[in-house]
C-alpha atoms as a PDB file:
ATOM      1  CA  UNK A   1      18.455  53.736  22.397  1.00  0.00           C
ATOM      2  CA  UNK A   2      16.450  55.560  19.754  1.00  0.00           C
ATOM      3  CA  UNK A   3      16.745  52.511  17.480  1.00  0.00           C
ATOM      4  CA  UNK A   4      15.295  50.226  20.214  1.00  0.00           C
ATOM      5  CA  UNK A   5      12.422  52.642  20.812  1.00  0.00           C
ATOM      6  CA  UNK A   6      11.625  52.768  17.065  1.00  0.00           C
ATOM      7  CA  UNK A   7      11.548  48.932  16.884  1.00  0.00           C
ATOM      8  CA  UNK A   8       9.186  48.847  19.863  1.00  0.00           C
ATOM      9  CA  UNK A   9       6.969  51.489  18.243  1.00  0.00           C
ATOM     10  CA  UNK A  10       6.807  49.500  14.961  1.00  0.00           C
ATOM     11  CA  UNK A  11       5.838  46.351  16.908  1.00  0.00           C
ATOM     12  CA  UNK A  12       3.089  48.182  18.801  1.00  0.00           C
ATOM     13  CA  UNK A  13       1.714  49.628  15.568  1.00  0.00           C
ATOM     14  CA  UNK A  14       1.587  46.170  14.034  1.00  0.00           C
ATOM     15  CA  UNK A  15      -0.316  44.831  17.026  1.00  0.00           C
ATOM     16  CA  UNK A  16      -2.694  47.765  16.962  1.00  0.00           C
ATOM     17  CA  UNK A  17      -3.571  46.995  13.332  1.00  0.00           C
ATOM     18  CA  UNK A  18      -4.857  43.506  14.272  1.00  0.00           C
ATOM     19  CA  UNK A  19      -8.593  43.055  14.354  1.00  0.00           C
ATOM     20  CA  UNK A  20     -10.171  40.894  17.039  1.00  0.00           C
ATOM     21  CA  UNK A  21     -11.490  37.545  15.850  1.00  0.00           C
ATOM     22  CA  UNK A  22     -14.500  35.855  17.365  1.00  0.00           C
ATOM     23  CA  UNK A  23     -14.373  32.070  17.673  1.00  0.00           C
ATOM     24  CA  UNK A  24     -17.664  30.314  18.257  1.00  0.00           C
ATOM     25  CA  UNK A  25     -17.961  26.814  19.622  1.00  0.00           C
ATOM     26  CA  UNK A  26     -20.683  24.252  19.673  1.00  0.00           C
ATOM     27  CA  UNK A  27     -22.306  22.039  17.072  1.00  0.00           C
ATOM     28  CA  UNK A  28     -21.470  22.945  13.484  1.00  0.00           C
ATOM     29  CA  UNK A  29     -23.374  21.266  10.655  1.00  0.00           C
ATOM     30  CA  UNK A  30     -21.298  18.930   8.489  1.00  0.00           C
ATOM     31  CA  UNK A  31     -21.824  19.869   4.812  1.00  0.00           C
ATOM     32  CA  UNK A  32     -20.954  16.310   3.714  1.00  0.00           C
ATOM     33  CA  UNK A  33     -22.979  14.399   6.329  1.00  0.00           C
ATOM     34  CA  UNK A  34     -25.503  13.112   3.774  1.00  0.00           C
ATOM     35  CA  UNK A  35     -22.810  11.951   1.307  1.00  0.00           C
ATOM     36  CA  UNK A  36     -20.815  10.221   4.044  1.00  0.00           C
ATOM     37  CA  UNK A  37     -23.879   8.421   5.396  1.00  0.00           C
ATOM     38  CA  UNK A  38     -24.656   7.009   1.944  1.00  0.00           C
ATOM     39  CA  UNK A  39     -21.065   6.176   0.942  1.00  0.00           C
ATOM     40  CA  UNK A  40     -19.991   2.590   0.350  1.00  0.00           C
ATOM     41  CA  UNK A  41     -17.859   1.035   3.104  1.00  0.00           C
ATOM     42  CA  UNK A  42     -14.126   1.404   2.677  1.00  0.00           C
ATOM     43  CA  UNK A  43     -12.020  -1.732   2.546  1.00  0.00           C
ATOM     44  CA  UNK A  44      -8.419  -1.332   3.660  1.00  0.00           C
ATOM     45  CA  UNK A  45      -5.688  -3.007   1.633  1.00  0.00           C
ATOM     46  CA  UNK A  46      -4.440  -6.293   3.055  1.00  0.00           C
ATOM     47  CA  UNK A  47      -1.441  -6.247   5.328  1.00  0.00           C
ATOM     48  CA  UNK A  48       1.803  -8.066   4.596  1.00  0.00           C
ATOM     49  CA  UNK A  49       1.834 -11.374   6.493  1.00  0.00           C
ATOM     50  CA  UNK A  50       5.405 -12.368   5.614  1.00  0.00           C
ATOM     51  CA  UNK A  51       8.304 -11.068   3.492  1.00  0.00           C
ATOM     52  CA  UNK A  52      10.788 -13.610   2.169  1.00  0.00           C
ATOM     53  CA  UNK A  53      13.706 -13.653  -0.239  1.00  0.00           C
ATOM     54  CA  UNK A  54      14.145 -16.671  -2.504  1.00  0.00           C
ATOM     55  CA  UNK A  55      17.029 -17.819  -4.693  1.00  0.00           C
ATOM     56  CA  UNK A  56      15.778 -19.362  -7.936  1.00  0.00           C
ATOM     57  CA  UNK A  57      17.281 -22.109 -10.058  1.00  0.00           C
ATOM     58  CA  UNK A  58      18.762 -19.547 -12.500  1.00  0.00           C
ATOM     59  CA  UNK A  59      20.621 -17.984  -9.516  1.00  0.00           C
ATOM     60  CA  UNK A  60      18.433 -14.848  -9.470  1.00  0.00           C
ATOM     61  CA  UNK A  61      16.956 -13.409  -6.277  1.00  0.00           C
ATOM     62  CA  UNK A  62      13.274 -12.656  -5.910  1.00  0.00           C
ATOM     63  CA  UNK A  63      11.465 -11.054  -2.986  1.00  0.00           C
ATOM     64  CA  UNK A  64       7.892 -12.073  -2.214  1.00  0.00           C
ATOM     65  CA  UNK A  65       5.664 -10.147   0.197  1.00  0.00           C
ATOM     66  CA  UNK A  66       2.869 -12.533   1.130  1.00  0.00           C
ATOM     67  CA  UNK A  67      -0.415 -10.764   1.899  1.00  0.00           C
ATOM     68  CA  UNK A  68      -2.781 -11.619   4.745  1.00  0.00           C
ATOM     69  CA  UNK A  69      -6.237 -13.104   4.216  1.00  0.00           C
ATOM     70  CA  UNK A  70      -5.087 -15.027   1.083  1.00  0.00           C
ATOM     71  CA  UNK A  71      -5.188 -11.834  -0.986  1.00  0.00           C
ATOM     72  CA  UNK A  72      -2.108 -12.811  -3.009  1.00  0.00           C
ATOM     73  CA  UNK A  73       1.473 -11.601  -2.923  1.00  0.00           C
ATOM     74  CA  UNK A  74       3.795  -8.932  -4.293  1.00  0.00           C
ATOM     75  CA  UNK A  75       6.687 -10.304  -6.369  1.00  0.00           C
ATOM     76  CA  UNK A  76       9.658  -7.978  -6.865  1.00  0.00           C
ATOM     77  CA  UNK A  77      13.414  -7.953  -7.108  1.00  0.00           C
ATOM     78  CA  UNK A  78      16.412  -5.848  -8.048  1.00  0.00           C
ATOM     79  CA  UNK A  79      15.779  -6.054 -11.809  1.00  0.00           C
ATOM     80  CA  UNK A  80      11.950  -6.108 -11.870  1.00  0.00           C
ATOM     81  CA  UNK A  81       9.089  -3.917 -10.775  1.00  0.00           C
ATOM     82  CA  UNK A  82       6.691  -4.964  -8.070  1.00  0.00           C
ATOM     83  CA  UNK A  83       3.821  -7.091  -9.408  1.00  0.00           C
ATOM     84  CA  UNK A  84       0.691  -8.073  -7.490  1.00  0.00           C
ATOM     85  CA  UNK A  85      -0.136 -11.719  -8.135  1.00  0.00           C
ATOM     86  CA  UNK A  86      -3.665 -12.638  -7.112  1.00  0.00           C
ATOM     87  CA  UNK A  87      -5.612 -15.853  -6.618  1.00  0.00           C
ATOM     88  CA  UNK A  88      -7.152 -17.083  -9.836  1.00  0.00           C
ATOM     89  CA  UNK A  89     -10.897 -16.492 -10.088  1.00  0.00           C
ATOM     90  CA  UNK A  90     -13.001 -19.586  -9.461  1.00  0.00           C
ATOM     91  CA  UNK A  91     -14.516 -21.229 -12.537  1.00  0.00           C
ATOM     92  CA  UNK A  92     -17.885 -22.868 -12.009  1.00  0.00           C
ATOM     93  CA  UNK A  93     -17.687 -26.661 -12.098  1.00  0.00           C
ATOM     94  CA  UNK A  94     -13.913 -26.820 -11.572  1.00  0.00           C
ATOM     95  CA  UNK A  95     -11.882 -27.083  -8.364  1.00  0.00           C
ATOM     96  CA  UNK A  96     -10.412 -23.853  -7.064  1.00  0.00           C
ATOM     97  CA  UNK A  97      -6.799 -23.205  -8.079  1.00  0.00           C
ATOM     98  CA  UNK A  98      -4.220 -22.289  -5.466  1.00  0.00           C
ATOM     99  CA  UNK A  99      -2.015 -20.569  -8.079  1.00  0.00           C
ATOM    100  CA  UNK A 100      -1.403 -16.841  -7.861  1.00  0.00           C
ATOM    101  CA  UNK A 101      -1.319 -15.149 -11.251  1.00  0.00           C
ATOM    102  CA  UNK A 102      -0.872 -11.732 -12.851  1.00  0.00           C
ATOM    103  CA  UNK A 103      -0.960 -10.374 -16.380  1.00  0.00           C
ATOM    104  CA  UNK A 104       2.149 -10.886 -18.438  1.00  0.00           C
ATOM    105  CA  UNK A 105       2.773 -14.494 -17.522  1.00  0.00           C
ATOM    106  CA  UNK A 106       3.387 -14.389 -13.768  1.00  0.00           C
ATOM    107  CA  UNK A 107       2.442 -17.624 -11.944  1.00  0.00           C
ATOM    108  CA  UNK A 108       3.336 -18.324  -8.318  1.00  0.00           C
ATOM    109  CA  UNK A 109       2.707 -21.713  -6.679  1.00  0.00           C
ATOM    110  CA  UNK A 110       3.389 -22.027  -2.971  1.00  0.00           C
ATOM    111  CA  UNK A 111       2.693 -20.373   0.342  1.00  0.00           C
ATOM    112  CA  UNK A 112       4.388 -18.152   2.906  1.00  0.00           C
ATOM    113  CA  UNK A 113       5.089 -21.155   5.143  1.00  0.00           C
ATOM    114  CA  UNK A 114       6.702 -23.279   2.427  1.00  0.00           C
ATOM    115  CA  UNK A 115      10.499 -23.326   2.044  1.00  0.00           C
ATOM    116  CA  UNK A 116      10.275 -23.519  -1.768  1.00  0.00           C
ATOM    117  CA  UNK A 117       7.930 -22.008  -4.351  1.00  0.00           C
ATOM    118  CA  UNK A 118       7.488 -22.520  -8.077  1.00  0.00           C
ATOM    119  CA  UNK A 119       7.653 -19.252  -9.952  1.00  0.00           C
ATOM    120  CA  UNK A 120       7.089 -18.425 -13.618  1.00  0.00           C
ATOM    121  CA  UNK A 121       8.213 -14.964 -14.715  1.00  0.00           C
ATOM    122  CA  UNK A 122       7.612 -13.301 -18.083  1.00  0.00           C
ATOM    123  CA  UNK A 123      10.188 -14.515 -20.606  1.00  0.00           C
ATOM    124  CA  UNK A 124      11.370 -17.330 -18.327  1.00  0.00           C
ATOM    125  CA  UNK A 125      10.080 -20.832 -17.747  1.00  0.00           C
ATOM    126  CA  UNK A 126       8.823 -22.195 -14.465  1.00  0.00           C
ATOM    127  CA  UNK A 127      11.561 -22.623 -11.891  1.00  0.00           C
ATOM    128  CA  UNK A 128      11.932 -23.664  -8.299  1.00  0.00           C
ATOM    129  CA  UNK A 129      12.940 -20.939  -5.848  1.00  0.00           C
ATOM    130  CA  UNK A 130      14.234 -21.758  -2.342  1.00  0.00           C
ATOM    131  CA  UNK A 131      13.813 -19.540   0.692  1.00  0.00           C
END
Protein backbone atom coordinates (compact mmCIF):
# COMPACT_ATOMS: atom_id res chain seq x y z
CA UNK A 1 0.00 0.00 0.00
CA UNK A 2 2.79 2.41 0.92
CA UNK A 3 4.60 1.47 -2.29
CA UNK A 4 1.52 2.32 -4.40
CA UNK A 5 1.14 5.65 -2.62
CA UNK A 6 4.81 6.51 -3.23
CA UNK A 7 4.44 5.73 -6.97
CA UNK A 8 1.38 7.97 -7.13
CA UNK A 9 3.25 10.74 -5.32
CA UNK A 10 6.20 10.50 -7.75
CA UNK A 11 3.78 10.71 -10.72
CA UNK A 12 2.04 13.76 -9.26
CA UNK A 13 5.38 15.48 -8.66
CA UNK A 14 6.40 14.83 -12.26
CA UNK A 15 3.16 16.35 -13.52
CA UNK A 16 3.53 19.34 -11.23
CA UNK A 17 6.96 20.07 -12.71
CA UNK A 18 5.49 20.52 -16.22
CA UNK A 19 5.16 24.07 -17.46
CA UNK A 20 2.12 25.07 -19.49
CA UNK A 21 2.75 25.62 -23.19
CA UNK A 22 0.86 28.16 -25.25
CA UNK A 23 0.02 27.17 -28.82
CA UNK A 24 -0.96 29.97 -31.16
CA UNK A 25 -2.83 29.46 -34.39
CA UNK A 26 -3.36 31.53 -37.45
CA UNK A 27 -1.19 32.64 -40.34
CA UNK A 28 2.52 32.08 -39.81
CA UNK A 29 4.99 33.60 -42.29
CA UNK A 30 6.90 31.08 -44.40
CA UNK A 31 10.63 31.85 -44.16
CA UNK A 32 11.25 30.21 -47.57
CA UNK A 33 8.30 31.72 -49.45
CA UNK A 34 10.52 33.93 -51.65
CA UNK A 35 12.92 31.08 -52.53
CA UNK A 36 10.06 28.71 -53.36
CA UNK A 37 8.32 31.29 -55.55
CA UNK A 38 11.50 31.76 -57.62
CA UNK A 39 12.53 28.09 -57.77
CA UNK A 40 12.66 26.23 -61.07
CA UNK A 41 9.81 23.79 -61.70
CA UNK A 42 10.46 20.23 -60.57
CA UNK A 43 10.25 17.46 -63.15
CA UNK A 44 9.37 14.05 -61.81
CA UNK A 45 11.26 11.03 -63.12
CA UNK A 46 9.43 9.05 -65.80
CA UNK A 47 7.33 6.11 -64.75
CA UNK A 48 7.95 2.55 -65.90
CA UNK A 49 5.59 1.75 -68.79
CA UNK A 50 6.50 -1.95 -69.09
CA UNK A 51 8.91 -4.44 -67.53
CA UNK A 52 9.98 -7.42 -69.62
CA UNK A 53 12.48 -10.23 -69.38
CA UNK A 54 14.31 -11.31 -72.54
CA UNK A 55 16.45 -14.35 -73.33
CA UNK A 56 19.37 -13.44 -75.58
CA UNK A 57 21.15 -15.48 -78.22
CA UNK A 58 24.01 -16.32 -75.79
CA UNK A 59 21.36 -17.82 -73.43
CA UNK A 60 21.65 -14.98 -70.89
CA UNK A 61 18.64 -13.27 -69.34
CA UNK A 62 18.22 -9.52 -69.37
CA UNK A 63 15.47 -7.43 -67.78
CA UNK A 64 14.39 -4.20 -69.44
CA UNK A 65 12.19 -1.62 -67.71
CA UNK A 66 10.78 0.56 -70.49
CA UNK A 67 10.13 4.14 -69.39
CA UNK A 68 7.08 6.22 -70.31
CA UNK A 69 7.23 9.25 -72.59
CA UNK A 70 10.10 7.75 -74.66
CA UNK A 71 12.60 8.58 -71.91
CA UNK A 72 14.60 5.39 -72.48
CA UNK A 73 14.86 2.18 -70.51
CA UNK A 74 16.71 0.54 -67.64
CA UNK A 75 18.70 -2.57 -68.62
CA UNK A 76 19.67 -4.93 -65.80
CA UNK A 77 20.09 -8.58 -64.99
CA UNK A 78 21.46 -11.01 -62.44
CA UNK A 79 25.11 -10.38 -63.34
CA UNK A 80 24.99 -6.68 -64.25
CA UNK A 81 24.08 -3.41 -62.61
CA UNK A 82 21.14 -1.33 -63.74
CA UNK A 83 22.02 0.99 -66.62
CA UNK A 84 19.85 3.79 -67.97
CA UNK A 85 19.92 3.78 -71.77
CA UNK A 86 18.61 7.01 -73.27
CA UNK A 87 17.57 8.18 -76.72
CA UNK A 88 20.50 9.45 -78.74
CA UNK A 89 20.66 13.23 -79.03
CA UNK A 90 19.51 14.57 -82.38
CA UNK A 91 22.22 15.72 -84.76
CA UNK A 92 21.32 18.62 -87.01
CA UNK A 93 20.88 17.59 -90.63
CA UNK A 94 20.51 13.86 -89.86
CA UNK A 95 17.39 11.78 -89.21
CA UNK A 96 16.63 11.06 -85.56
CA UNK A 97 17.90 7.70 -84.29
CA UNK A 98 15.58 5.35 -82.44
CA UNK A 99 18.51 3.62 -80.70
CA UNK A 100 18.85 3.87 -76.94
CA UNK A 101 22.46 4.21 -75.80
CA UNK A 102 24.54 4.56 -72.66
CA UNK A 103 28.23 5.01 -71.89
CA UNK A 104 30.34 1.89 -71.99
CA UNK A 105 28.94 0.46 -75.21
CA UNK A 106 25.27 -0.17 -74.41
CA UNK A 107 22.97 -0.01 -77.46
CA UNK A 108 19.32 -1.08 -77.38
CA UNK A 109 17.18 -1.25 -80.53
CA UNK A 110 13.51 -2.04 -80.14
CA UNK A 111 10.43 -1.03 -78.20
CA UNK A 112 8.29 -2.22 -75.30
CA UNK A 113 5.69 -3.61 -77.70
CA UNK A 114 8.15 -5.63 -79.81
CA UNK A 115 8.69 -9.33 -79.07
CA UNK A 116 12.42 -9.10 -79.88
CA UNK A 117 15.08 -6.45 -79.32
CA UNK A 118 18.66 -6.06 -80.49
CA UNK A 119 21.00 -5.47 -77.57
CA UNK A 120 24.70 -4.69 -77.46
CA UNK A 121 26.35 -4.99 -74.04
CA UNK A 122 29.89 -3.98 -73.08
CA UNK A 123 32.33 -6.72 -74.05
CA UNK A 124 29.73 -8.53 -76.16
CA UNK A 125 28.60 -8.08 -79.72
CA UNK A 126 25.10 -7.21 -80.83
CA UNK A 127 22.62 -10.01 -80.26
CA UNK A 128 18.93 -10.65 -80.63
CA UNK A 129 16.95 -11.07 -77.42
CA UNK A 130 13.42 -12.55 -77.40
CA UNK A 131 10.73 -11.67 -74.90
